[in-house]
Amino acid sequence: MRATRADLSTATWRKSSYSNGQGGDCVEVADHIPGTAMVRDSKNPYGPALAIPARAWAEFIAAL
Protein backbone atom coordinates (compact mmCIF):
# COMPACT_ATOMS: atom_id res chain seq x y z
CA MET A 1 0.00 0.00 0.00
CA ARG A 2 1.25 3.43 -0.88
CA ALA A 3 0.44 6.65 0.97
CA THR A 4 -0.92 9.52 -1.08
CA ARG A 5 -1.27 13.16 -0.17
CA ALA A 6 -4.79 14.54 -0.46
CA ASP A 7 -5.35 18.14 -1.54
CA LEU A 8 -7.10 19.65 1.48
CA SER A 9 -6.76 23.27 0.39
CA THR A 10 -10.53 23.57 -0.17
CA ALA A 11 -11.61 21.31 2.70
CA THR A 12 -14.09 22.75 5.18
CA TRP A 13 -13.08 21.78 8.69
CA ARG A 14 -15.41 21.69 11.70
CA LYS A 15 -14.49 21.31 15.36
CA SER A 16 -15.82 18.54 17.52
CA SER A 17 -18.73 19.66 19.67
CA TYR A 18 -16.82 18.09 22.57
CA SER A 19 -13.76 20.34 22.17
CA ASN A 20 -13.41 22.84 24.98
CA GLY A 21 -13.82 26.59 24.47
CA GLN A 22 -10.27 27.45 25.56
CA GLY A 23 -8.66 25.93 22.47
CA GLY A 24 -7.47 22.69 24.03
CA ASP A 25 -8.36 19.13 23.11
CA CYS A 26 -9.67 20.18 19.71
CA VAL A 27 -10.31 17.69 16.96
CA GLU A 28 -11.45 18.89 13.55
CA VAL A 29 -13.08 16.84 10.83
CA ALA A 30 -13.48 17.47 7.11
CA ASP A 31 -16.14 14.99 6.15
CA HIS A 32 -17.23 16.12 2.68
CA ILE A 33 -14.41 14.37 0.89
CA PRO A 34 -15.91 11.44 -1.04
CA GLY A 35 -15.37 8.14 0.75
CA THR A 36 -13.10 9.62 3.42
CA ALA A 37 -13.27 11.50 6.71
CA MET A 38 -10.21 13.63 7.36
CA VAL A 39 -9.28 14.25 11.01
CA ARG A 40 -6.69 16.68 12.38
CA ASP A 41 -5.58 18.48 15.53
CA SER A 42 -6.97 22.03 15.34
CA LYS A 43 -3.94 23.37 17.21
CA ASN A 44 -1.80 22.28 14.25
CA PRO A 45 -3.88 23.06 11.14
CA TYR A 46 -0.89 22.73 8.80
CA GLY A 47 0.22 19.45 10.34
CA PRO A 48 -0.77 15.96 9.34
CA ALA A 49 -4.36 14.79 8.97
CA LEU A 50 -5.61 11.24 9.24
CA ALA A 51 -7.60 9.83 6.32
CA ILE A 52 -10.23 7.45 7.62
CA PRO A 53 -12.55 5.47 5.32
CA ALA A 54 -16.05 6.97 5.60
CA ARG A 55 -17.62 3.66 6.65
CA ALA A 56 -15.08 3.15 9.45
CA TRP A 57 -15.64 6.76 10.61
CA ALA A 58 -19.42 6.25 10.68
CA GLU A 59 -18.98 3.05 12.72
CA PHE A 60 -16.62 4.88 15.11
CA ILE A 61 -19.08 7.75 15.63
CA ALA A 62 -21.98 5.33 16.12
CA ALA A 63 -19.99 3.47 18.78
CA LEU A 64 -19.35 6.66 20.74
PDB file of N, CA and C in Angstrom:
ATOM      1  N   MET A   1       0.842  -1.171   0.000  1.00  0.00           N
ATOM      2  CA  MET A   1       0.000   0.000   0.000  1.00  0.00           C
ATOM      3  C   MET A   1       0.887   1.235   0.000  1.00  0.00           C
ATOM      4  N   ARG A   2       0.462   2.215  -0.743  1.00  0.00           N
ATOM      5  CA  ARG A   2       1.251   3.431  -0.885  1.00  0.00           C
ATOM      6  C   ARG A   2       0.466   4.622  -0.359  1.00  0.00           C
ATOM      7  N   ALA A   3       1.096   5.449   0.431  1.00  0.00           N
ATOM      8  CA  ALA A   3       0.436   6.647   0.972  1.00  0.00           C
ATOM      9  C   ALA A   3       0.361   7.706  -0.110  1.00  0.00           C
ATOM     10  N   THR A   4      -0.765   8.401  -0.155  1.00  0.00           N
ATOM     11  CA  THR A   4      -0.920   9.519  -1.079  1.00  0.00           C
ATOM     12  C   THR A   4      -1.272  10.760  -0.281  1.00  0.00           C
ATOM     13  N   ARG A   5      -1.005  11.887  -0.839  1.00  0.00           N
ATOM     14  CA  ARG A   5      -1.268  13.159  -0.169  1.00  0.00           C
ATOM     15  C   ARG A   5      -2.516  13.787  -0.790  1.00  0.00           C
ATOM     16  N   ALA A   6      -3.542  13.950   0.015  1.00  0.00           N
ATOM     17  CA  ALA A   6      -4.789  14.545  -0.460  1.00  0.00           C
ATOM     18  C   ALA A   6      -4.663  16.063  -0.499  1.00  0.00           C
ATOM     19  N   ASP A   7      -5.303  16.674  -1.464  1.00  0.00           N
ATOM     20  CA  ASP A   7      -5.350  18.138  -1.540  1.00  0.00           C
ATOM     21  C   ASP A   7      -6.478  18.612  -0.624  1.00  0.00           C
ATOM     22  N   LEU A   8      -6.116  19.191   0.501  1.00  0.00           N
ATOM     23  CA  LEU A   8      -7.099  19.651   1.480  1.00  0.00           C
ATOM     24  C   LEU A   8      -7.247  21.166   1.469  1.00  0.00           C
ATOM     25  N   SER A   9      -6.739  21.813   0.428  1.00  0.00           N
ATOM     26  CA  SER A   9      -6.765  23.271   0.386  1.00  0.00           C
ATOM     27  C   SER A   9      -8.184  23.834   0.351  1.00  0.00           C
ATOM     28  N   THR A  10      -9.150  23.090  -0.130  1.00  0.00           N
ATOM     29  CA  THR A  10     -10.529  23.572  -0.167  1.00  0.00           C
ATOM     30  C   THR A  10     -11.418  22.861   0.842  1.00  0.00           C
ATOM     31  N   ALA A  11     -10.820  22.043   1.700  1.00  0.00           N
ATOM     32  CA  ALA A  11     -11.607  21.311   2.702  1.00  0.00           C
ATOM     33  C   ALA A  11     -12.220  22.281   3.707  1.00  0.00           C
ATOM     34  N   THR A  12     -13.420  21.974   4.142  1.00  0.00           N
ATOM     35  CA  THR A  12     -14.090  22.747   5.179  1.00  0.00           C
ATOM     36  C   THR A  12     -13.998  21.935   6.459  1.00  0.00           C
ATOM     37  N   TRP A  13     -13.313  22.482   7.436  1.00  0.00           N
ATOM     38  CA  TRP A  13     -13.080  21.784   8.694  1.00  0.00           C
ATOM     39  C   TRP A  13     -14.084  22.257   9.735  1.00  0.00           C
ATOM     40  N   ARG A  14     -14.522  21.343  10.584  1.00  0.00           N
ATOM     41  CA  ARG A  14     -15.407  21.694  11.700  1.00  0.00           C
ATOM     42  C   ARG A  14     -14.844  21.065  12.966  1.00  0.00           C
ATOM     43  N   LYS A  15     -14.981  21.800  14.074  1.00  0.00           N
ATOM     44  CA  LYS A  15     -14.490  21.308  15.361  1.00  0.00           C
ATOM     45  C   LYS A  15     -15.494  20.357  15.987  1.00  0.00           C
ATOM     46  N   SER A  16     -14.972  19.441  16.747  1.00  0.00           N
ATOM     47  CA  SER A  16     -15.821  18.545  17.519  1.00  0.00           C
ATOM     48  C   SER A  16     -16.642  19.357  18.510  1.00  0.00           C
ATOM     49  N   SER A  17     -17.879  18.974  18.695  1.00  0.00           N
ATOM     50  CA  SER A  17     -18.725  19.665  19.674  1.00  0.00           C
ATOM     51  C   SER A  17     -18.250  19.381  21.098  1.00  0.00           C
ATOM     52  N   TYR A  18     -17.368  18.422  21.254  1.00  0.00           N
ATOM     53  CA  TYR A  18     -16.817  18.094  22.575  1.00  0.00           C
ATOM     54  C   TYR A  18     -15.504  18.805  22.865  1.00  0.00           C
ATOM     55  N   SER A  19     -14.982  19.580  21.925  1.00  0.00           N
ATOM     56  CA  SER A  19     -13.763  20.341  22.167  1.00  0.00           C
ATOM     57  C   SER A  19     -14.074  21.470  23.137  1.00  0.00           C
ATOM     58  N   ASN A  20     -13.120  21.788  24.004  1.00  0.00           N
ATOM     59  CA  ASN A  20     -13.411  22.843  24.978  1.00  0.00           C
ATOM     60  C   ASN A  20     -13.244  24.225  24.366  1.00  0.00           C
ATOM     61  N   GLY A  21     -13.821  25.224  24.983  1.00  0.00           N
ATOM     62  CA  GLY A  21     -13.816  26.589  24.467  1.00  0.00           C
ATOM     63  C   GLY A  21     -12.511  27.331  24.620  1.00  0.00           C
ATOM     64  N   GLN A  22     -11.548  26.785  25.343  1.00  0.00           N
ATOM     65  CA  GLN A  22     -10.269  27.453  25.565  1.00  0.00           C
ATOM     66  C   GLN A  22      -9.215  27.050  24.537  1.00  0.00           C
ATOM     67  N   GLY A  23      -9.598  26.289  23.535  1.00  0.00           N
ATOM     68  CA  GLY A  23      -8.658  25.935  22.472  1.00  0.00           C
ATOM     69  C   GLY A  23      -7.903  24.642  22.701  1.00  0.00           C
ATOM     70  N   GLY A  24      -8.148  23.957  23.780  1.00  0.00           N
ATOM     71  CA  GLY A  24      -7.469  22.694  24.026  1.00  0.00           C
ATOM     72  C   GLY A  24      -8.314  21.510  23.597  1.00  0.00           C
ATOM     73  N   ASP A  25      -7.674  20.384  23.441  1.00  0.00           N
ATOM     74  CA  ASP A  25      -8.355  19.133  23.114  1.00  0.00           C
ATOM     75  C   ASP A  25      -9.262  19.263  21.902  1.00  0.00           C
ATOM     76  N   CYS A  26      -8.813  19.934  20.876  1.00  0.00           N
ATOM     77  CA  CYS A  26      -9.666  20.176  19.708  1.00  0.00           C
ATOM     78  C   CYS A  26      -9.349  19.201  18.583  1.00  0.00           C
ATOM     79  N   VAL A  27     -10.388  18.566  18.123  1.00  0.00           N
ATOM     80  CA  VAL A  27     -10.315  17.689  16.963  1.00  0.00           C
ATOM     81  C   VAL A  27     -11.187  18.308  15.892  1.00  0.00           C
ATOM     82  N   GLU A  28     -10.670  18.370  14.673  1.00  0.00           N
ATOM     83  CA  GLU A  28     -11.445  18.887  13.554  1.00  0.00           C
ATOM     84  C   GLU A  28     -11.624  17.785  12.516  1.00  0.00           C
ATOM     85  N   VAL A  29     -12.763  17.835  11.842  1.00  0.00           N
ATOM     86  CA  VAL A  29     -13.084  16.837  10.828  1.00  0.00           C
ATOM     87  C   VAL A  29     -13.499  17.539   9.544  1.00  0.00           C
ATOM     88  N   ALA A  30     -13.008  17.057   8.439  1.00  0.00           N
ATOM     89  CA  ALA A  30     -13.482  17.470   7.113  1.00  0.00           C
ATOM     90  C   ALA A  30     -14.134  16.222   6.531  1.00  0.00           C
ATOM     91  N   ASP A  31     -15.460  16.223   6.528  1.00  0.00           N
ATOM     92  CA  ASP A  31     -16.143  14.989   6.147  1.00  0.00           C
ATOM     93  C   ASP A  31     -16.924  15.088   4.843  1.00  0.00           C
ATOM     94  N   HIS A  32     -16.565  16.025   3.987  1.00  0.00           N
ATOM     95  CA  HIS A  32     -17.228  16.125   2.684  1.00  0.00           C
ATOM     96  C   HIS A  32     -16.267  15.755   1.562  1.00  0.00           C
ATOM     97  N   ILE A  33     -15.339  14.879   1.879  1.00  0.00           N
ATOM     98  CA  ILE A  33     -14.406  14.365   0.886  1.00  0.00           C
ATOM     99  C   ILE A  33     -14.904  12.960   0.550  1.00  0.00           C
ATOM    100  N   PRO A  34     -15.273  12.703  -0.682  1.00  0.00           N
ATOM    101  CA  PRO A  34     -15.906  11.439  -1.040  1.00  0.00           C
ATOM    102  C   PRO A  34     -15.169  10.201  -0.513  1.00  0.00           C
ATOM    103  N   GLY A  35     -15.895   9.408   0.259  1.00  0.00           N
ATOM    104  CA  GLY A  35     -15.371   8.143   0.748  1.00  0.00           C
ATOM    105  C   GLY A  35     -14.397   8.230   1.905  1.00  0.00           C
ATOM    106  N   THR A  36     -14.134   9.442   2.399  1.00  0.00           N
ATOM    107  CA  THR A  36     -13.102   9.625   3.421  1.00  0.00           C
ATOM    108  C   THR A  36     -13.507  10.689   4.425  1.00  0.00           C
ATOM    109  N   ALA A  37     -13.169  10.461   5.681  1.00  0.00           N
ATOM    110  CA  ALA A  37     -13.272  11.495   6.714  1.00  0.00           C
ATOM    111  C   ALA A  37     -11.843  11.875   7.081  1.00  0.00           C
ATOM    112  N   MET A  38     -11.539  13.151   6.997  1.00  0.00           N
ATOM    113  CA  MET A  38     -10.211  13.634   7.360  1.00  0.00           C
ATOM    114  C   MET A  38     -10.288  14.182   8.782  1.00  0.00           C
ATOM    115  N   VAL A  39      -9.298  13.841   9.611  1.00  0.00           N
ATOM    116  CA  VAL A  39      -9.277  14.249  11.014  1.00  0.00           C
ATOM    117  C   VAL A  39      -7.925  14.888  11.305  1.00  0.00           C
ATOM    118  N   ARG A  40      -7.955  16.010  12.033  1.00  0.00           N
ATOM    119  CA  ARG A  40      -6.694  16.684  12.382  1.00  0.00           C
ATOM    120  C   ARG A  40      -6.806  17.338  13.751  1.00  0.00           C
ATOM    121  N   ASP A  41      -5.668  17.742  14.276  1.00  0.00           N
ATOM    122  CA  ASP A  41      -5.578  18.482  15.529  1.00  0.00           C
ATOM    123  C   ASP A  41      -5.716  19.961  15.176  1.00  0.00           C
ATOM    124  N   SER A  42      -6.732  20.636  15.712  1.00  0.00           N
ATOM    125  CA  SER A  42      -6.971  22.032  15.344  1.00  0.00           C
ATOM    126  C   SER A  42      -5.849  22.957  15.795  1.00  0.00           C
ATOM    127  N   LYS A  43      -5.059  22.529  16.757  1.00  0.00           N
ATOM    128  CA  LYS A  43      -3.943  23.369  17.211  1.00  0.00           C
ATOM    129  C   LYS A  43      -2.782  23.329  16.214  1.00  0.00           C
ATOM    130  N   ASN A  44      -2.850  22.420  15.252  1.00  0.00           N
ATOM    131  CA  ASN A  44      -1.798  22.278  14.254  1.00  0.00           C
ATOM    132  C   ASN A  44      -2.448  22.124  12.869  1.00  0.00           C
ATOM    133  N   PRO A  45      -3.116  23.189  12.376  1.00  0.00           N
ATOM    134  CA  PRO A  45      -3.876  23.064  11.138  1.00  0.00           C
ATOM    135  C   PRO A  45      -3.039  22.783   9.895  1.00  0.00           C
ATOM    136  N   TYR A  46      -1.743  23.011   9.947  1.00  0.00           N
ATOM    137  CA  TYR A  46      -0.887  22.725   8.796  1.00  0.00           C
ATOM    138  C   TYR A  46      -0.118  21.427   8.982  1.00  0.00           C
ATOM    139  N   GLY A  47      -0.417  20.733  10.068  1.00  0.00           N
ATOM    140  CA  GLY A  47       0.222  19.452  10.336  1.00  0.00           C
ATOM    141  C   GLY A  47      -0.499  18.322   9.628  1.00  0.00           C
ATOM    142  N   PRO A  48      -0.176  17.112   9.998  1.00  0.00           N
ATOM    143  CA  PRO A  48      -0.774  15.956   9.336  1.00  0.00           C
ATOM    144  C   PRO A  48      -2.256  15.797   9.664  1.00  0.00           C
ATOM    145  N   ALA A  49      -2.955  15.137   8.766  1.00  0.00           N
ATOM    146  CA  ALA A  49      -4.359  14.789   8.968  1.00  0.00           C
ATOM    147  C   ALA A  49      -4.495  13.290   8.703  1.00  0.00           C
ATOM    148  N   LEU A  50      -5.357  12.658   9.450  1.00  0.00           N
ATOM    149  CA  LEU A  50      -5.615  11.237   9.242  1.00  0.00           C
ATOM    150  C   LEU A  50      -6.738  11.069   8.234  1.00  0.00           C
ATOM    151  N   ALA A  51      -6.557  10.173   7.294  1.00  0.00           N
ATOM    152  CA  ALA A  51      -7.598   9.833   6.325  1.00  0.00           C
ATOM    153  C   ALA A  51      -8.240   8.533   6.789  1.00  0.00           C
ATOM    154  N   ILE A  52      -9.520   8.605   7.107  1.00  0.00           N
ATOM    155  CA  ILE A  52     -10.234   7.448   7.624  1.00  0.00           C
ATOM    156  C   ILE A  52     -11.357   7.106   6.645  1.00  0.00           C
ATOM    157  N   PRO A  53     -11.447   5.837   6.221  1.00  0.00           N
ATOM    158  CA  PRO A  53     -12.547   5.474   5.319  1.00  0.00           C
ATOM    159  C   PRO A  53     -13.893   5.874   5.931  1.00  0.00           C
ATOM    160  N   ALA A  54     -14.777   6.443   5.112  1.00  0.00           N
ATOM    161  CA  ALA A  54     -16.054   6.969   5.600  1.00  0.00           C
ATOM    162  C   ALA A  54     -16.852   5.928   6.382  1.00  0.00           C
ATOM    163  N   ARG A  55     -16.863   4.699   5.940  1.00  0.00           N
ATOM    164  CA  ARG A  55     -17.616   3.660   6.648  1.00  0.00           C
ATOM    165  C   ARG A  55     -17.035   3.416   8.046  1.00  0.00           C
ATOM    166  N   ALA A  56     -15.722   3.353   8.144  1.00  0.00           N
ATOM    167  CA  ALA A  56     -15.078   3.150   9.449  1.00  0.00           C
ATOM    168  C   ALA A  56     -15.361   4.338  10.368  1.00  0.00           C
ATOM    169  N   TRP A  57     -15.349   5.560   9.822  1.00  0.00           N
ATOM    170  CA  TRP A  57     -15.640   6.761  10.612  1.00  0.00           C
ATOM    171  C   TRP A  57     -17.078   6.712  11.125  1.00  0.00           C
ATOM    172  N   ALA A  58     -18.025   6.337  10.270  1.00  0.00           N
ATOM    173  CA  ALA A  58     -19.422   6.247  10.679  1.00  0.00           C
ATOM    174  C   ALA A  58     -19.594   5.214  11.786  1.00  0.00           C
ATOM    175  N   GLU A  59     -18.904   4.085  11.684  1.00  0.00           N
ATOM    176  CA  GLU A  59     -18.983   3.052  12.721  1.00  0.00           C
ATOM    177  C   GLU A  59     -18.370   3.560  14.038  1.00  0.00           C
ATOM    178  N   PHE A  60     -17.274   4.305  13.934  1.00  0.00           N
ATOM    179  CA  PHE A  60     -16.621   4.879  15.112  1.00  0.00           C
ATOM    180  C   PHE A  60     -17.559   5.846  15.821  1.00  0.00           C
ATOM    181  N   ILE A  61     -18.162   6.769  15.052  1.00  0.00           N
ATOM    182  CA  ILE A  61     -19.082   7.748  15.627  1.00  0.00           C
ATOM    183  C   ILE A  61     -20.291   7.067  16.253  1.00  0.00           C
ATOM    184  N   ALA A  62     -20.830   6.061  15.599  1.00  0.00           N
ATOM    185  CA  ALA A  62     -21.976   5.333  16.124  1.00  0.00           C
ATOM    186  C   ALA A  62     -21.645   4.628  17.446  1.00  0.00           C
ATOM    187  N   ALA A  63     -20.410   4.171  17.561  1.00  0.00           N
ATOM    188  CA  ALA A  63     -19.990   3.468  18.781  1.00  0.00           C
ATOM    189  C   ALA A  63     -19.776   4.419  19.941  1.00  0.00           C
ATOM    190  N   LEU A  64     -19.546   5.692  19.663  1.00  0.00           N
ATOM    191  CA  LEU A  64     -19.350   6.665  20.737  1.00  0.00           C
ATOM    192  C   LEU A  64     -20.656   6.886  21.428  1.00  0.00           C
TER     193      LEU A  64
END
